[in-house]
Amino acid sequence: LKDASSSEIIAGVRGVAEGKAVCPPKLCLSLFRLTA
């Protein structure tokens, strides 16, 4: 999100590079709902 800090952006890029998905918690529910 646009309010992400520089450390959150760095952690997000590192996480994705390691094969993880990065998703804001407040949007995670919509992803679960769509999948269900």
PDB file of all heavy atoms in Angstrom:
ATOM      1  N   LEU A   1       0.818  -1.210   0.000  1.00  0.00           N
ATOM      2  CA  LEU A   1       0.000   0.000   0.000  1.00  0.00           C
ATOM      3  C   LEU A   1       0.854   1.262   0.000  1.00  0.00           C
ATOM      4  O   LEU A   1       2.043   1.231   0.316  1.00  0.00           O
ATOM      5  CB  LEU A   1      -0.933  -0.008   1.208  1.00  0.00           C
ATOM      6  CG  LEU A   1      -1.902  -1.185   1.276  1.00  0.00           C
ATOM      7  CD1 LEU A   1      -2.744  -1.114   2.539  1.00  0.00           C
ATOM      8  CD2 LEU A   1      -2.780  -1.240   0.038  1.00  0.00           C
ATOM      9  N   LYS A   2       0.218   2.369  -0.349  1.00  0.00           N
ATOM     10  CA  LYS A   2       0.949   3.629  -0.467  1.00  0.00           C
ATOM     11  C   LYS A   2       1.492   4.133   0.863  1.00  0.00           C
ATOM     12  O   LYS A   2       2.407   4.938   0.881  1.00  0.00           O
ATOM     13  CB  LYS A   2       0.104   4.693  -1.153  1.00  0.00           C
ATOM     14  CG  LYS A   2      -1.201   5.017  -0.504  1.00  0.00           C
ATOM     15  CD  LYS A   2      -1.977   5.998  -1.369  1.00  0.00           C
ATOM     16  CE  LYS A   2      -3.418   6.089  -0.946  1.00  0.00           C
ATOM     17  NZ  LYS A   2      -4.182   6.853  -1.919  1.00  0.00           N
ATOM     18  N   ASP A   3       0.967   3.638   1.973  1.00  0.00           N
ATOM     19  CA  ASP A   3       1.500   4.060   3.262  1.00  0.00           C
ATOM     20  C   ASP A   3       2.592   3.116   3.788  1.00  0.00           C
ATOM     21  O   ASP A   3       3.037   3.238   4.926  1.00  0.00           O
ATOM     22  CB  ASP A   3       0.385   4.219   4.295  1.00  0.00           C
ATOM     23  CG  ASP A   3      -0.376   2.928   4.575  1.00  0.00           C
ATOM     24  OD1 ASP A   3      -0.120   1.913   3.896  1.00  0.00           O
ATOM     25  OD2 ASP A   3      -1.243   2.936   5.476  1.00  0.00           O
ATOM     26  N   ALA A   4       3.064   2.193   2.937  1.00  0.00           N
ATOM     27  CA  ALA A   4       4.117   1.260   3.350  1.00  0.00           C
ATOM     28  C   ALA A   4       5.426   2.027   3.563  1.00  0.00           C
ATOM     29  O   ALA A   4       5.787   2.902   2.777  1.00  0.00           O
ATOM     30  CB  ALA A   4       4.318   0.176   2.294  1.00  0.00           C
ATOM     31  N   SER A   5       6.121   1.668   4.614  1.00  0.00           N
ATOM     32  CA  SER A   5       7.402   2.301   4.896  1.00  0.00           C
ATOM     33  C   SER A   5       8.480   1.687   4.008  1.00  0.00           C
ATOM     34  O   SER A   5       8.277   0.644   3.383  1.00  0.00           O
ATOM     35  CB  SER A   5       7.768   2.081   6.368  1.00  0.00           C
ATOM     36  OG  SER A   5       8.025   0.697   6.598  1.00  0.00           O
ATOM     37  N   SER A   6       9.630   2.328   3.982  1.00  0.00           N
ATOM     38  CA  SER A   6      10.724   1.792   3.161  1.00  0.00           C
ATOM     39  C   SER A   6      11.147   0.408   3.656  1.00  0.00           C
ATOM     40  O   SER A   6      11.460  -0.469   2.849  1.00  0.00           O
ATOM     41  CB  SER A   6      11.918   2.752   3.148  1.00  0.00           C
ATOM     42  OG  SER A   6      12.353   3.013   4.469  1.00  0.00           O
ATOM     43  N   SER A   7      11.120   0.183   4.967  1.00  0.00           N
ATOM     44  CA  SER A   7      11.495  -1.136   5.482  1.00  0.00           C
ATOM     45  C   SER A   7      10.459  -2.188   5.091  1.00  0.00           C
ATOM     46  O   SER A   7      10.803  -3.351   4.844  1.00  0.00           O
ATOM     47  CB  SER A   7      11.707  -1.106   6.998  1.00  0.00           C
ATOM     48  OG  SER A   7      10.532  -0.721   7.655  1.00  0.00           O
ATOM     49  N   GLU A   8       9.160  -1.805   5.023  1.00  0.00           N
ATOM     50  CA  GLU A   8       8.126  -2.747   4.582  1.00  0.00           C
ATOM     51  C   GLU A   8       8.291  -3.083   3.095  1.00  0.00           C
ATOM     52  O   GLU A   8       8.078  -4.226   2.691  1.00  0.00           O
ATOM     53  CB  GLU A   8       6.728  -2.170   4.834  1.00  0.00           C
ATOM     54  CG  GLU A   8       6.357  -2.112   6.301  1.00  0.00           C
ATOM     55  CD  GLU A   8       5.064  -1.342   6.557  1.00  0.00           C
ATOM     56  OE1 GLU A   8       4.812  -0.322   5.880  1.00  0.00           O
ATOM     57  OE2 GLU A   8       4.308  -1.785   7.446  1.00  0.00           O
ATOM     58  N   ILE A   9       8.700  -2.095   2.308  1.00  0.00           N
ATOM     59  CA  ILE A   9       8.936  -2.345   0.883  1.00  0.00           C
ATOM     60  C   ILE A   9      10.118  -3.292   0.713  1.00  0.00           C
ATOM     61  O   ILE A   9      10.056  -4.262  -0.044  1.00  0.00           O
ATOM     62  CB  ILE A   9       9.152  -1.025   0.112  1.00  0.00           C
ATOM     63  CG1 ILE A   9       7.841  -0.217   0.102  1.00  0.00           C
ATOM     64  CG2 ILE A   9       9.624  -1.300  -1.327  1.00  0.00           C
ATOM     65  CD1 ILE A   9       7.964   1.183  -0.469  1.00  0.00           C
ATOM     66  N   ILE A  10      11.184  -3.057   1.440  1.00  0.00           N
ATOM     67  CA  ILE A  10      12.360  -3.927   1.364  1.00  0.00           C
ATOM     68  C   ILE A  10      11.994  -5.341   1.801  1.00  0.00           C
ATOM     69  O   ILE A  10      12.343  -6.325   1.132  1.00  0.00           O
ATOM     70  CB  ILE A  10      13.520  -3.363   2.217  1.00  0.00           C
ATOM     71  CG1 ILE A  10      14.047  -2.064   1.574  1.00  0.00           C
ATOM     72  CG2 ILE A  10      14.644  -4.388   2.376  1.00  0.00           C
ATOM     73  CD1 ILE A  10      14.981  -1.261   2.456  1.00  0.00           C
ATOM     74  N   ALA A  11      11.279  -5.466   2.914  1.00  0.00           N
ATOM     75  CA  ALA A  11      10.856  -6.790   3.395  1.00  0.00           C
ATOM     76  C   ALA A  11       9.944  -7.465   2.378  1.00  0.00           C
ATOM     77  O   ALA A  11      10.030  -8.679   2.162  1.00  0.00           O
ATOM     78  CB  ALA A  11      10.149  -6.657   4.743  1.00  0.00           C
ATOM     79  N   GLY A  12       9.070  -6.695   1.743  1.00  0.00           N
ATOM     80  CA  GLY A  12       8.169  -7.245   0.726  1.00  0.00           C
ATOM     81  C   GLY A  12       8.927  -7.781  -0.477  1.00  0.00           C
ATOM     82  O   GLY A  12       8.648  -8.886  -0.958  1.00  0.00           O
ATOM     83  N   VAL A  13       9.905  -7.033  -0.955  1.00  0.00           N
ATOM     84  CA  VAL A  13      10.707  -7.472  -2.105  1.00  0.00           C
ATOM     85  C   VAL A  13      11.505  -8.723  -1.731  1.00  0.00           C
ATOM     86  O   VAL A  13      11.549  -9.684  -2.494  1.00  0.00           O
ATOM     87  CB  VAL A  13      11.638  -6.342  -2.595  1.00  0.00           C
ATOM     88  CG1 VAL A  13      12.641  -6.856  -3.628  1.00  0.00           C
ATOM     89  CG2 VAL A  13      10.825  -5.191  -3.171  1.00  0.00           C
ATOM     90  N   ARG A  14      12.092  -8.715  -0.550  1.00  0.00           N
ATOM     91  CA  ARG A  14      12.848  -9.899  -0.109  1.00  0.00           C
ATOM     92  C   ARG A  14      11.933 -11.117   0.027  1.00  0.00           C
ATOM     93  O   ARG A  14      12.298 -12.225  -0.364  1.00  0.00           O
ATOM     94  CB  ARG A  14      13.541  -9.622   1.224  1.00  0.00           C
ATOM     95  CG  ARG A  14      14.743  -8.733   1.068  1.00  0.00           C
ATOM     96  CD  ARG A  14      15.480  -8.533   2.372  1.00  0.00           C
ATOM     97  NE  ARG A  14      16.675  -7.727   2.140  1.00  0.00           N
ATOM     98  CZ  ARG A  14      17.191  -6.911   3.041  1.00  0.00           C
ATOM     99  NH1 ARG A  14      16.647  -6.800   4.239  1.00  0.00           N
ATOM    100  NH2 ARG A  14      18.263  -6.213   2.753  1.00  0.00           N
ATOM    101  N   GLY A  15      10.759 -10.913   0.594  1.00  0.00           N
ATOM    102  CA  GLY A  15       9.805 -12.011   0.748  1.00  0.00           C
ATOM    103  C   GLY A  15       9.397 -12.600  -0.589  1.00  0.00           C
ATOM    104  O   GLY A  15       9.376 -13.819  -0.776  1.00  0.00           O
ATOM    105  N   VAL A  16       9.088 -11.740  -1.553  1.00  0.00           N
ATOM    106  CA  VAL A  16       8.701 -12.209  -2.883  1.00  0.00           C
ATOM    107  C   VAL A  16       9.880 -12.923  -3.551  1.00  0.00           C
ATOM    108  O   VAL A  16       9.697 -13.956  -4.200  1.00  0.00           O
ATOM    109  CB  VAL A  16       8.170 -11.035  -3.738  1.00  0.00           C
ATOM    110  CG1 VAL A  16       8.064 -11.412  -5.206  1.00  0.00           C
ATOM    111  CG2 VAL A  16       6.818 -10.583  -3.213  1.00  0.00           C
ATOM    112  N   ALA A  17      11.082 -12.407  -3.361  1.00  0.00           N
ATOM    113  CA  ALA A  17      12.275 -13.061  -3.931  1.00  0.00           C
ATOM    114  C   ALA A  17      12.457 -14.460  -3.352  1.00  0.00           C
ATOM    115  O   ALA A  17      12.976 -15.349  -4.033  1.00  0.00           O
ATOM    116  CB  ALA A  17      13.515 -12.214  -3.661  1.00  0.00           C
ATOM    117  N   GLU A  18      12.007 -14.676  -2.121  1.00  0.00           N
ATOM    118  CA  GLU A  18      12.102 -15.990  -1.474  1.00  0.00           C
ATOM    119  C   GLU A  18      10.921 -16.896  -1.808  1.00  0.00           C
ATOM    120  O   GLU A  18      10.800 -17.990  -1.268  1.00  0.00           O
ATOM    121  CB  GLU A  18      12.189 -15.805   0.046  1.00  0.00           C
ATOM    122  CG  GLU A  18      13.453 -15.114   0.509  1.00  0.00           C
ATOM    123  CD  GLU A  18      13.389 -14.683   1.981  1.00  0.00           C
ATOM    124  OE1 GLU A  18      12.358 -14.937   2.652  1.00  0.00           O
ATOM    125  OE2 GLU A  18      14.370 -14.076   2.448  1.00  0.00           O
ATOM    126  N   GLY A  19      10.022 -16.403  -2.661  1.00  0.00           N
ATOM    127  CA  GLY A  19       8.892 -17.224  -3.082  1.00  0.00           C
ATOM    128  C   GLY A  19       7.642 -17.046  -2.253  1.00  0.00           C
ATOM    129  O   GLY A  19       6.695 -17.819  -2.366  1.00  0.00           O
ATOM    130  N   LYS A  20       7.618 -16.031  -1.410  1.00  0.00           N
ATOM    131  CA  LYS A  20       6.447 -15.766  -0.581  1.00  0.00           C
ATOM    132  C   LYS A  20       5.543 -14.749  -1.279  1.00  0.00           C
ATOM    133  O   LYS A  20       5.992 -13.980  -2.125  1.00  0.00           O
ATOM    134  CB  LYS A  20       6.869 -15.196   0.776  1.00  0.00           C
ATOM    135  CG  LYS A  20       7.737 -16.146   1.577  1.00  0.00           C
ATOM    136  CD  LYS A  20       8.235 -15.483   2.832  1.00  0.00           C
ATOM    137  CE  LYS A  20       9.207 -16.403   3.569  1.00  0.00           C
ATOM    138  NZ  LYS A  20       9.876 -15.707   4.674  1.00  0.00           N
ATOM    139  N   ALA A  21       4.283 -14.742  -0.898  1.00  0.00           N
ATOM    140  CA  ALA A  21       3.352 -13.727  -1.375  1.00  0.00           C
ATOM    141  C   ALA A  21       3.276 -12.628  -0.324  1.00  0.00           C
ATOM    142  O   ALA A  21       3.353 -12.899   0.874  1.00  0.00           O
ATOM    143  CB  ALA A  21       1.979 -14.330  -1.604  1.00  0.00           C
ATOM    144  N   VAL A  22       3.139 -11.398  -0.779  1.00  0.00           N
ATOM    145  CA  VAL A  22       3.038 -10.267   0.136  1.00  0.00           C
ATOM    146  C   VAL A  22       1.701  -9.587  -0.118  1.00  0.00           C
ATOM    147  O   VAL A  22       1.396  -9.186  -1.238  1.00  0.00           O
ATOM    148  CB  VAL A  22       4.201  -9.273  -0.091  1.00  0.00           C
ATOM    149  CG1 VAL A  22       4.029  -8.051   0.780  1.00  0.00           C
ATOM    150  CG2 VAL A  22       5.530  -9.952   0.168  1.00  0.00           C
ATOM    151  N   CYS A  23       0.919  -9.506   0.951  1.00  0.00           N
ATOM    152  CA  CYS A  23      -0.451  -9.006   0.834  1.00  0.00           C
ATOM    153  C   CYS A  23      -0.799  -8.207   2.076  1.00  0.00           C
ATOM    154  O   CYS A  23      -0.567  -8.688   3.183  1.00  0.00           O
ATOM    155  CB  CYS A  23      -1.382 -10.204   0.679  1.00  0.00           C
ATOM    156  SG  CYS A  23      -3.119  -9.853   0.802  1.00  0.00           S
ATOM    157  N   PRO A  24      -1.375  -7.021   1.920  1.00  0.00           N
ATOM    158  CA  PRO A  24      -1.793  -6.266   3.099  1.00  0.00           C
ATOM    159  C   PRO A  24      -2.879  -7.032   3.869  1.00  0.00           C
ATOM    160  O   PRO A  24      -3.809  -7.559   3.254  1.00  0.00           O
ATOM    161  CB  PRO A  24      -2.379  -4.971   2.538  1.00  0.00           C
ATOM    162  CG  PRO A  24      -1.992  -4.935   1.107  1.00  0.00           C
ATOM    163  CD  PRO A  24      -1.685  -6.324   0.683  1.00  0.00           C
ATOM    164  N   PRO A  25      -2.757  -7.109   5.170  1.00  0.00           N
ATOM    165  CA  PRO A  25      -3.749  -7.861   5.958  1.00  0.00           C
ATOM    166  C   PRO A  25      -5.187  -7.436   5.684  1.00  0.00           C
ATOM    167  O   PRO A  25      -6.082  -8.273   5.629  1.00  0.00           O
ATOM    168  CB  PRO A  25      -3.350  -7.564   7.401  1.00  0.00           C
ATOM    169  CG  PRO A  25      -1.889  -7.247   7.334  1.00  0.00           C
ATOM    170  CD  PRO A  25      -1.691  -6.566   6.008  1.00  0.00           C
ATOM    171  N   LYS A  26      -5.422  -6.133   5.464  1.00  0.00           N
ATOM    172  CA  LYS A  26      -6.802  -5.697   5.267  1.00  0.00           C
ATOM    173  C   LYS A  26      -7.370  -6.144   3.927  1.00  0.00           C
ATOM    174  O   LYS A  26      -8.574  -6.120   3.734  1.00  0.00           O
ATOM    175  CB  LYS A  26      -6.953  -4.196   5.468  1.00  0.00           C
ATOM    176  CG  LYS A  26      -6.113  -3.309   4.599  1.00  0.00           C
ATOM    177  CD  LYS A  26      -6.437  -1.847   4.893  1.00  0.00           C
ATOM    178  CE  LYS A  26      -5.209  -1.007   5.080  1.00  0.00           C
ATOM    179  NZ  LYS A  26      -5.495   0.358   5.417  1.00  0.00           N
ATOM    180  N   LEU A  27      -6.525  -6.590   2.990  1.00  0.00           N
ATOM    181  CA  LEU A  27      -7.022  -7.095   1.706  1.00  0.00           C
ATOM    182  C   LEU A  27      -6.996  -8.616   1.626  1.00  0.00           C
ATOM    183  O   LEU A  27      -7.547  -9.206   0.705  1.00  0.00           O
ATOM    184  CB  LEU A  27      -6.213  -6.498   0.554  1.00  0.00           C
ATOM    185  CG  LEU A  27      -6.433  -5.009   0.319  1.00  0.00           C
ATOM    186  CD1 LEU A  27      -5.465  -4.475  -0.719  1.00  0.00           C
ATOM    187  CD2 LEU A  27      -7.858  -4.722  -0.080  1.00  0.00           C
ATOM    188  N   CYS A  28      -6.363  -9.251   2.583  1.00  0.00           N
ATOM    189  CA  CYS A  28      -6.282 -10.712   2.603  1.00  0.00           C
ATOM    190  C   CYS A  28      -7.660 -11.364   2.614  1.00  0.00           C
ATOM    191  O   CYS A  28      -7.878 -12.371   1.945  1.00  0.00           O
ATOM    192  CB  CYS A  28      -5.496 -11.170   3.819  1.00  0.00           C
ATOM    193  SG  CYS A  28      -3.956 -11.945   3.399  1.00  0.00           S
ATOM    194  N   LEU A  29      -8.586 -10.805   3.367  1.00  0.00           N
ATOM    195  CA  LEU A  29      -9.920 -11.380   3.472  1.00  0.00           C
ATOM    196  C   LEU A  29     -10.607 -11.459   2.110  1.00  0.00           C
ATOM    197  O   LEU A  29     -11.258 -12.459   1.799  1.00  0.00           O
ATOM    198  CB  LEU A  29     -10.783 -10.585   4.455  1.00  0.00           C
ATOM    199  CG  LEU A  29     -12.189 -11.116   4.678  1.00  0.00           C
ATOM    200  CD1 LEU A  29     -12.150 -12.542   5.216  1.00  0.00           C
ATOM    201  CD2 LEU A  29     -12.947 -10.217   5.634  1.00  0.00           C
ATOM    202  N   SER A  30     -10.433 -10.435   1.280  1.00  0.00           N
ATOM    203  CA  SER A  30     -11.062 -10.467  -0.048  1.00  0.00           C
ATOM    204  C   SER A  30     -10.489 -11.598  -0.891  1.00  0.00           C
ATOM    205  O   SER A  30     -11.209 -12.229  -1.662  1.00  0.00           O
ATOM    206  CB  SER A  30     -10.898  -9.125  -0.760  1.00  0.00           C
ATOM    207  OG  SER A  30      -9.544  -8.807  -0.943  1.00  0.00           O
ATOM    208  N   LEU A  31      -9.214 -11.882  -0.725  1.00  0.00           N
ATOM    209  CA  LEU A  31      -8.583 -12.980  -1.456  1.00  0.00           C
ATOM    210  C   LEU A  31      -9.134 -14.329  -0.983  1.00  0.00           C
ATOM    211  O   LEU A  31      -9.453 -15.198  -1.796  1.00  0.00           O
ATOM    212  CB  LEU A  31      -7.073 -12.925  -1.264  1.00  0.00           C
ATOM    213  CG  LEU A  31      -6.211 -13.756  -2.176  1.00  0.00           C
ATOM    214  CD1 LEU A  31      -6.494 -13.461  -3.642  1.00  0.00           C
ATOM    215  CD2 LEU A  31      -4.749 -13.490  -1.875  1.00  0.00           C
ATOM    216  N   PHE A  32      -9.290 -14.487   0.325  1.00  0.00           N
ATOM    217  CA  PHE A  32      -9.868 -15.712   0.866  1.00  0.00           C
ATOM    218  C   PHE A  32     -11.304 -15.893   0.393  1.00  0.00           C
ATOM    219  O   PHE A  32     -11.728 -16.980   0.026  1.00  0.00           O
ATOM    220  CB  PHE A  32      -9.827 -15.717   2.406  1.00  0.00           C
ATOM    221  CG  PHE A  32      -8.477 -16.044   2.961  1.00  0.00           C
ATOM    222  CD1 PHE A  32      -7.737 -15.082   3.632  1.00  0.00           C
ATOM    223  CD2 PHE A  32      -7.940 -17.317   2.830  1.00  0.00           C
ATOM    224  CE1 PHE A  32      -6.490 -15.378   4.153  1.00  0.00           C
ATOM    225  CE2 PHE A  32      -6.697 -17.626   3.348  1.00  0.00           C
ATOM    226  CZ  PHE A  32      -5.968 -16.658   4.012  1.00  0.00           C
ATOM    227  N   ARG A  33     -12.076 -14.799   0.408  1.00  0.00           N
ATOM    228  CA  ARG A  33     -13.471 -14.867  -0.007  1.00  0.00           C
ATOM    229  C   ARG A  33     -13.587 -15.263  -1.482  1.00  0.00           C
ATOM    230  O   ARG A  33     -14.383 -16.109  -1.845  1.00  0.00           O
ATOM    231  CB  ARG A  33     -14.158 -13.519   0.254  1.00  0.00           C
ATOM    232  CG  ARG A  33     -15.646 -13.562   0.095  1.00  0.00           C
ATOM    233  CD  ARG A  33     -16.375 -12.306   0.543  1.00  0.00           C
ATOM    234  NE  ARG A  33     -15.747 -11.069   0.143  1.00  0.00           N
ATOM    235  CZ  ARG A  33     -15.276 -10.147   1.008  1.00  0.00           C
ATOM    236  NH1 ARG A  33     -15.388 -10.329   2.291  1.00  0.00           N
ATOM    237  NH2 ARG A  33     -14.725  -9.045   0.560  1.00  0.00           N
ATOM    238  N   LEU A  34     -12.762 -14.664  -2.335  1.00  0.00           N
ATOM    239  CA  LEU A  34     -12.782 -14.999  -3.760  1.00  0.00           C
ATOM    240  C   LEU A  34     -12.388 -16.456  -3.987  1.00  0.00           C
ATOM    241  O   LEU A  34     -13.023 -17.171  -4.762  1.00  0.00           O
ATOM    242  CB  LEU A  34     -11.837 -14.083  -4.543  1.00  0.00           C
ATOM    243  CG  LEU A  34     -11.745 -14.359  -6.033  1.00  0.00           C
ATOM    244  CD1 LEU A  34     -13.081 -14.069  -6.724  1.00  0.00           C
ATOM    245  CD2 LEU A  34     -10.639 -13.529  -6.658  1.00  0.00           C
ATOM    246  N   THR A  35     -11.375 -16.911  -3.280  1.00  0.00           N
ATOM    247  CA  THR A  35     -10.939 -18.302  -3.410  1.00  0.00           C
ATOM    248  C   THR A  35     -12.034 -19.260  -2.961  1.00  0.00           C
ATOM    249  O   THR A  35     -12.306 -20.263  -3.623  1.00  0.00           O
ATOM    250  CB  THR A  35      -9.653 -18.538  -2.589  1.00  0.00           C
ATOM    251  OG1 THR A  35      -8.659 -17.611  -3.030  1.00  0.00           O
ATOM    252  CG2 THR A  35      -9.144 -19.945  -2.743  1.00  0.00           C
ATOM    253  N   ALA A  36     -12.694 -18.941  -1.862  1.00  0.00           N
ATOM    254  CA  ALA A  36     -13.783 -19.794  -1.367  1.00  0.00           C
ATOM    255  C   ALA A  36     -14.932 -19.835  -2.362  1.00  0.00           C
ATOM    256  O   ALA A  36     -15.506 -20.903  -2.627  1.00  0.00           O
ATOM    257  CB  ALA A  36     -14.268 -19.295  -0.008  1.00  0.00           C
TER     258      ALA A  36
END
